[in-house]
């Protein structure tokens, strides 16, 4: 790691799958289906006890929040460009080959918010409502893997902050 970036090693197939998840998330942010429970989970009510105030607040802030989430996911997607490969044609050796993922310091927050948001969407799809809840659904492994990658990124960001004296 340099003083201005985080470098994480990912297997090529991991990066490719992460890129696909980010692209799916970007599509969800573009669609903005208000009736989608996952979109509602990403735009929680500011006034749960007052329906009228909650609706007014959501109507005035939802698009801005979803625009920001889309912009941040685009930053993440761009960083994942080196992982844009057809995984179906990779040999096992190539699929597992490590590649460096370089995250600029000024993009770390976008990464943290995007990975967290993707986990929230997956949690909603799987019915996960608490951190210690598990699921037998195979997609639960993706949820857990994203949590692991998010934790690694948080640790790397903390180390970066410590080196910079923050």
C-alpha atoms as a PDB file:
ATOM      1  CA  UNK A   1       0.000   0.000   0.000  1.00  0.00           C
ATOM      2  CA  UNK A   2       1.174   3.481  -0.741  1.00  0.00           C
ATOM      3  CA  UNK A   3       0.310   6.450   1.423  1.00  0.00           C
ATOM      4  CA  UNK A   4      -2.482   7.427  -0.949  1.00  0.00           C
ATOM      5  CA  UNK A   5      -4.099   4.132  -1.926  1.00  0.00           C
ATOM      6  CA  UNK A   6      -5.103   0.720  -0.723  1.00  0.00           C
ATOM      7  CA  UNK A   7      -4.059  -2.323  -2.696  1.00  0.00           C
ATOM      8  CA  UNK A   8      -6.044  -5.504  -2.093  1.00  0.00           C
ATOM      9  CA  UNK A   9      -5.345  -8.832  -3.716  1.00  0.00           C
ATOM     10  CA  UNK A  10      -8.357 -10.611  -5.195  1.00  0.00           C
ATOM     11  CA  UNK A  11      -8.580 -13.765  -7.238  1.00  0.00           C
ATOM     12  CA  UNK A  12      -9.598 -12.846 -10.773  1.00  0.00           C
ATOM     13  CA  UNK A  13     -12.900 -14.679 -10.365  1.00  0.00           C
ATOM     14  CA  UNK A  14     -13.628 -12.839  -7.091  1.00  0.00           C
ATOM     15  CA  UNK A  15     -13.107  -9.497  -8.777  1.00  0.00           C
ATOM     16  CA  UNK A  16     -15.256 -10.532 -11.722  1.00  0.00           C
ATOM     17  CA  UNK A  17     -18.105 -11.607  -9.442  1.00  0.00           C
ATOM     18  CA  UNK A  18     -17.794  -8.435  -7.384  1.00  0.00           C
ATOM     19  CA  UNK A  19     -17.955  -6.383 -10.583  1.00  0.00           C
ATOM     20  CA  UNK A  20     -21.158  -8.216 -11.545  1.00  0.00           C
ATOM     21  CA  UNK A  21     -22.690  -7.517  -8.125  1.00  0.00           C
ATOM     22  CA  UNK A  22     -21.814  -3.830  -8.437  1.00  0.00           C
ATOM     23  CA  UNK A  23     -23.320  -3.699 -11.931  1.00  0.00           C
ATOM     24  CA  UNK A  24     -26.514  -5.325 -10.639  1.00  0.00           C
ATOM     25  CA  UNK A  25     -26.612  -2.769  -7.832  1.00  0.00           C
ATOM     26  CA  UNK A  26     -26.148   0.088 -10.306  1.00  0.00           C
ATOM     27  CA  UNK A  27     -29.101  -1.243 -12.294  1.00  0.00           C
ATOM     28  CA  UNK A  28     -31.215  -1.317  -9.135  1.00  0.00           C
ATOM     29  CA  UNK A  29     -30.245   2.301  -8.431  1.00  0.00           C
ATOM     30  CA  UNK A  30     -31.158   3.320 -11.981  1.00  0.00           C
ATOM     31  CA  UNK A  31     -34.549   1.550 -11.824  1.00  0.00           C
ATOM     32  CA  UNK A  32     -35.487   3.114  -8.463  1.00  0.00           C
ATOM     33  CA  UNK A  33     -38.532   0.936  -7.979  1.00  0.00           C
ATOM     34  CA  UNK A  34     -39.970   2.535  -4.857  1.00  0.00           C
ATOM     35  CA  UNK A  35     -42.086  -0.547  -4.199  1.00  0.00           C
ATOM     36  CA  UNK A  36     -38.941  -2.725  -4.066  1.00  0.00           C
ATOM     37  CA  UNK A  37     -38.269  -3.545  -0.394  1.00  0.00           C
ATOM     38  CA  UNK A  38     -34.511  -3.395  -0.994  1.00  0.00           C
ATOM     39  CA  UNK A  39     -34.746   0.152  -2.347  1.00  0.00           C
ATOM     40  CA  UNK A  40     -36.887   1.078   0.652  1.00  0.00           C
ATOM     41  CA  UNK A  41     -34.245  -0.437   2.944  1.00  0.00           C
ATOM     42  CA  UNK A  42     -31.622   1.796   1.316  1.00  0.00           C
ATOM     43  CA  UNK A  43     -33.829   4.854   1.870  1.00  0.00           C
ATOM     44  CA  UNK A  44     -35.192   4.348   5.385  1.00  0.00           C
ATOM     45  CA  UNK A  45     -37.943   6.496   6.793  1.00  0.00           C
ATOM     46  CA  UNK A  46     -36.840   9.584   8.678  1.00  0.00           C
ATOM     47  CA  UNK A  47     -40.197   9.738  10.464  1.00  0.00           C
ATOM     48  CA  UNK A  48     -41.484   6.209  11.103  1.00  0.00           C
ATOM     49  CA  UNK A  49     -44.225   7.488  13.409  1.00  0.00           C
ATOM     50  CA  UNK A  50     -45.552  10.120  10.966  1.00  0.00           C
ATOM     51  CA  UNK A  51     -46.556   8.750   7.556  1.00  0.00           C
ATOM     52  CA  UNK A  52     -47.189  12.149   5.964  1.00  0.00           C
ATOM     53  CA  UNK A  53     -43.878  13.608   7.126  1.00  0.00           C
ATOM     54  CA  UNK A  54     -42.059  10.418   6.114  1.00  0.00           C
ATOM     55  CA  UNK A  55     -43.545  10.551   2.614  1.00  0.00           C
ATOM     56  CA  UNK A  56     -42.736  14.246   2.196  1.00  0.00           C
ATOM     57  CA  UNK A  57     -39.169  13.695   3.368  1.00  0.00           C
ATOM     58  CA  UNK A  58     -38.693  10.642   1.124  1.00  0.00           C
ATOM     59  CA  UNK A  59     -40.142  12.447  -1.886  1.00  0.00           C
ATOM     60  CA  UNK A  60     -37.724  15.331  -1.406  1.00  0.00           C
ATOM     61  CA  UNK A  61     -34.570  13.286  -0.694  1.00  0.00           C
ATOM     62  CA  UNK A  62     -34.905   9.807  -2.270  1.00  0.00           C
ATOM     63  CA  UNK A  63     -33.661  10.708  -5.749  1.00  0.00           C
ATOM     64  CA  UNK A  64     -30.643  12.589  -4.398  1.00  0.00           C
ATOM     65  CA  UNK A  65     -29.712   9.679  -2.132  1.00  0.00           C
ATOM     66  CA  UNK A  66     -30.114   7.115  -4.914  1.00  0.00           C
ATOM     67  CA  UNK A  67     -28.130   9.355  -7.301  1.00  0.00           C
ATOM     68  CA  UNK A  68     -25.290   9.441  -4.778  1.00  0.00           C
ATOM     69  CA  UNK A  69     -25.427   5.659  -4.364  1.00  0.00           C
ATOM     70  CA  UNK A  70     -25.332   5.263  -8.156  1.00  0.00           C
ATOM     71  CA  UNK A  71     -22.390   7.667  -8.488  1.00  0.00           C
ATOM     72  CA  UNK A  72     -20.459   5.838  -5.778  1.00  0.00           C
ATOM     73  CA  UNK A  73     -21.219   2.450  -7.319  1.00  0.00           C
ATOM     74  CA  UNK A  74     -19.901   3.796 -10.630  1.00  0.00           C
ATOM     75  CA  UNK A  75     -16.622   4.708  -8.909  1.00  0.00           C
ATOM     76  CA  UNK A  76     -16.385   1.144  -7.592  1.00  0.00           C
ATOM     77  CA  UNK A  77     -17.289  -0.302 -10.984  1.00  0.00           C
ATOM     78  CA  UNK A  78     -14.558   1.712 -12.692  1.00  0.00           C
ATOM     79  CA  UNK A  79     -11.956   0.431 -10.238  1.00  0.00           C
ATOM     80  CA  UNK A  80     -13.083  -3.114 -11.040  1.00  0.00           C
ATOM     81  CA  UNK A  81     -12.530  -2.706 -14.805  1.00  0.00           C
ATOM     82  CA  UNK A  82      -9.382  -4.891 -14.725  1.00  0.00           C
ATOM     83  CA  UNK A  83     -11.604  -7.762 -13.568  1.00  0.00           C
ATOM     84  CA  UNK A  84     -13.965  -7.489 -16.551  1.00  0.00           C
ATOM     85  CA  UNK A  85     -13.451 -10.975 -17.974  1.00  0.00           C
ATOM     86  CA  UNK A  86     -15.603 -13.835 -19.192  1.00  0.00           C
ATOM     87  CA  UNK A  87     -15.280 -16.202 -16.235  1.00  0.00           C
ATOM     88  CA  UNK A  88     -16.825 -19.070 -18.193  1.00  0.00           C
ATOM     89  CA  UNK A  89     -13.745 -19.415 -20.404  1.00  0.00           C
ATOM     90  CA  UNK A  90     -11.120 -19.148 -17.657  1.00  0.00           C
ATOM     91  CA  UNK A  91      -9.078 -22.120 -16.589  1.00  0.00           C
ATOM     92  CA  UNK A  92      -9.123 -22.829 -12.860  1.00  0.00           C
ATOM     93  CA  UNK A  93      -5.557 -21.557 -12.608  1.00  0.00           C
ATOM     94  CA  UNK A  94      -6.438 -18.283 -14.357  1.00  0.00           C
ATOM     95  CA  UNK A  95      -9.633 -17.857 -12.348  1.00  0.00           C
ATOM     96  CA  UNK A  96      -7.751 -18.170  -9.070  1.00  0.00           C
ATOM     97  CA  UNK A  97      -4.812 -16.009 -10.137  1.00  0.00           C
ATOM     98  CA  UNK A  98      -4.465 -13.019  -7.827  1.00  0.00           C
ATOM     99  CA  UNK A  99      -4.796  -9.497  -9.168  1.00  0.00           C
ATOM    100  CA  UNK A 100      -4.273  -6.256  -7.353  1.00  0.00           C
ATOM    101  CA  UNK A 101      -7.276  -4.059  -6.794  1.00  0.00           C
ATOM    102  CA  UNK A 102      -6.139  -0.476  -6.313  1.00  0.00           C
ATOM    103  CA  UNK A 103      -8.441   1.850  -4.394  1.00  0.00           C
ATOM    104  CA  UNK A 104      -7.498   5.508  -4.248  1.00  0.00           C
ATOM    105  CA  UNK A 105      -7.759   7.126  -0.830  1.00  0.00           C
ATOM    106  CA  UNK A 106     -10.469   9.528  -1.975  1.00  0.00           C
ATOM    107  CA  UNK A 107     -12.590   6.577  -3.181  1.00  0.00           C
ATOM    108  CA  UNK A 108     -12.532   4.527   0.023  1.00  0.00           C
ATOM    109  CA  UNK A 109     -15.780   5.948   1.394  1.00  0.00           C
ATOM    110  CA  UNK A 110     -17.557   5.202  -1.894  1.00  0.00           C
ATOM    111  CA  UNK A 111     -16.327   1.620  -1.637  1.00  0.00           C
ATOM    112  CA  UNK A 112     -17.429   1.239   1.977  1.00  0.00           C
ATOM    113  CA  UNK A 113     -20.888   2.672   1.327  1.00  0.00           C
ATOM    114  CA  UNK A 114     -21.379   0.657  -1.876  1.00  0.00           C
ATOM    115  CA  UNK A 115     -20.372  -2.698  -0.392  1.00  0.00           C
ATOM    116  CA  UNK A 116     -22.544  -2.006   2.648  1.00  0.00           C
ATOM    117  CA  UNK A 117     -25.501  -1.091   0.435  1.00  0.00           C
ATOM    118  CA  UNK A 118     -25.070  -4.243  -1.660  1.00  0.00           C
ATOM    119  CA  UNK A 119     -25.046  -6.305   1.545  1.00  0.00           C
ATOM    120  CA  UNK A 120     -28.258  -4.590   2.630  1.00  0.00           C
ATOM    121  CA  UNK A 121     -29.901  -5.473  -0.677  1.00  0.00           C
ATOM    122  CA  UNK A 122     -28.798  -9.102  -0.392  1.00  0.00           C
ATOM    123  CA  UNK A 123     -29.946  -9.191   3.243  1.00  0.00           C
ATOM    124  CA  UNK A 124     -33.337  -7.907   2.174  1.00  0.00           C
ATOM    125  CA  UNK A 125     -33.602 -10.507  -0.591  1.00  0.00           C
ATOM    126  CA  UNK A 126     -32.698 -13.272   1.881  1.00  0.00           C
ATOM    127  CA  UNK A 127     -34.832 -11.982   4.756  1.00  0.00           C
ATOM    128  CA  UNK A 128     -31.809 -11.323   6.961  1.00  0.00           C
ATOM    129  CA  UNK A 129     -32.707  -8.726   9.583  1.00  0.00           C
ATOM    130  CA  UNK A 130     -29.942  -9.174  12.177  1.00  0.00           C
ATOM    131  CA  UNK A 131     -26.170  -9.558  11.838  1.00  0.00           C
ATOM    132  CA  UNK A 132     -26.093 -12.956  13.590  1.00  0.00           C
ATOM    133  CA  UNK A 133     -28.914 -14.424  11.491  1.00  0.00           C
ATOM    134  CA  UNK A 134     -27.966 -17.175   9.051  1.00  0.00           C
ATOM    135  CA  UNK A 135     -29.656 -18.630   6.016  1.00  0.00           C
ATOM    136  CA  UNK A 136     -29.545 -21.922   4.155  1.00  0.00           C
ATOM    137  CA  UNK A 137     -29.874 -20.055   0.861  1.00  0.00           C
ATOM    138  CA  UNK A 138     -26.657 -20.373  -1.178  1.00  0.00           C
ATOM    139  CA  UNK A 139     -26.717 -16.605  -1.702  1.00  0.00           C
ATOM    140  CA  UNK A 140     -25.943 -16.304   2.006  1.00  0.00           C
ATOM    141  CA  UNK A 141     -22.349 -17.172   1.115  1.00  0.00           C
ATOM    142  CA  UNK A 142     -22.194 -14.071  -1.074  1.00  0.00           C
ATOM    143  CA  UNK A 143     -23.564 -11.992   1.805  1.00  0.00           C
ATOM    144  CA  UNK A 144     -20.884 -13.409   4.124  1.00  0.00           C
ATOM    145  CA  UNK A 145     -18.121 -12.991   1.526  1.00  0.00           C
ATOM    146  CA  UNK A 146     -19.065  -9.339   1.028  1.00  0.00           C
ATOM    147  CA  UNK A 147     -18.964  -8.873   4.794  1.00  0.00           C
ATOM    148  CA  UNK A 148     -15.461 -10.342   4.872  1.00  0.00           C
ATOM    149  CA  UNK A 149     -14.294  -8.100   2.007  1.00  0.00           C
ATOM    150  CA  UNK A 150     -15.874  -5.091   3.696  1.00  0.00           C
ATOM    151  CA  UNK A 151     -14.054  -5.918   6.932  1.00  0.00           C
ATOM    152  CA  UNK A 152     -10.724  -6.222   5.081  1.00  0.00           C
ATOM    153  CA  UNK A 153     -11.314  -2.859   3.438  1.00  0.00           C
ATOM    154  CA  UNK A 154     -12.205  -1.228   6.775  1.00  0.00           C
ATOM    155  CA  UNK A 155      -9.014  -2.581   8.340  1.00  0.00           C
ATOM    156  CA  UNK A 156      -6.931  -1.340   5.406  1.00  0.00           C
ATOM    157  CA  UNK A 157      -8.591   2.097   5.617  1.00  0.00           C
ATOM    158  CA  UNK A 158      -7.900   2.228   9.367  1.00  0.00           C
ATOM    159  CA  UNK A 159      -4.243   1.368   8.739  1.00  0.00           C
ATOM    160  CA  UNK A 160      -4.077   4.083   6.106  1.00  0.00           C
ATOM    161  CA  UNK A 161      -5.526   6.587   8.592  1.00  0.00           C
ATOM    162  CA  UNK A 162      -3.009   5.517  11.272  1.00  0.00           C
ATOM    163  CA  UNK A 163      -0.078   5.979   8.878  1.00  0.00           C
ATOM    164  CA  UNK A 164      -1.331   9.418   7.942  1.00  0.00           C
ATOM    165  CA  UNK A 165      -1.737  10.365  11.622  1.00  0.00           C
ATOM    166  CA  UNK A 166      -5.508  10.803  11.649  1.00  0.00           C
END
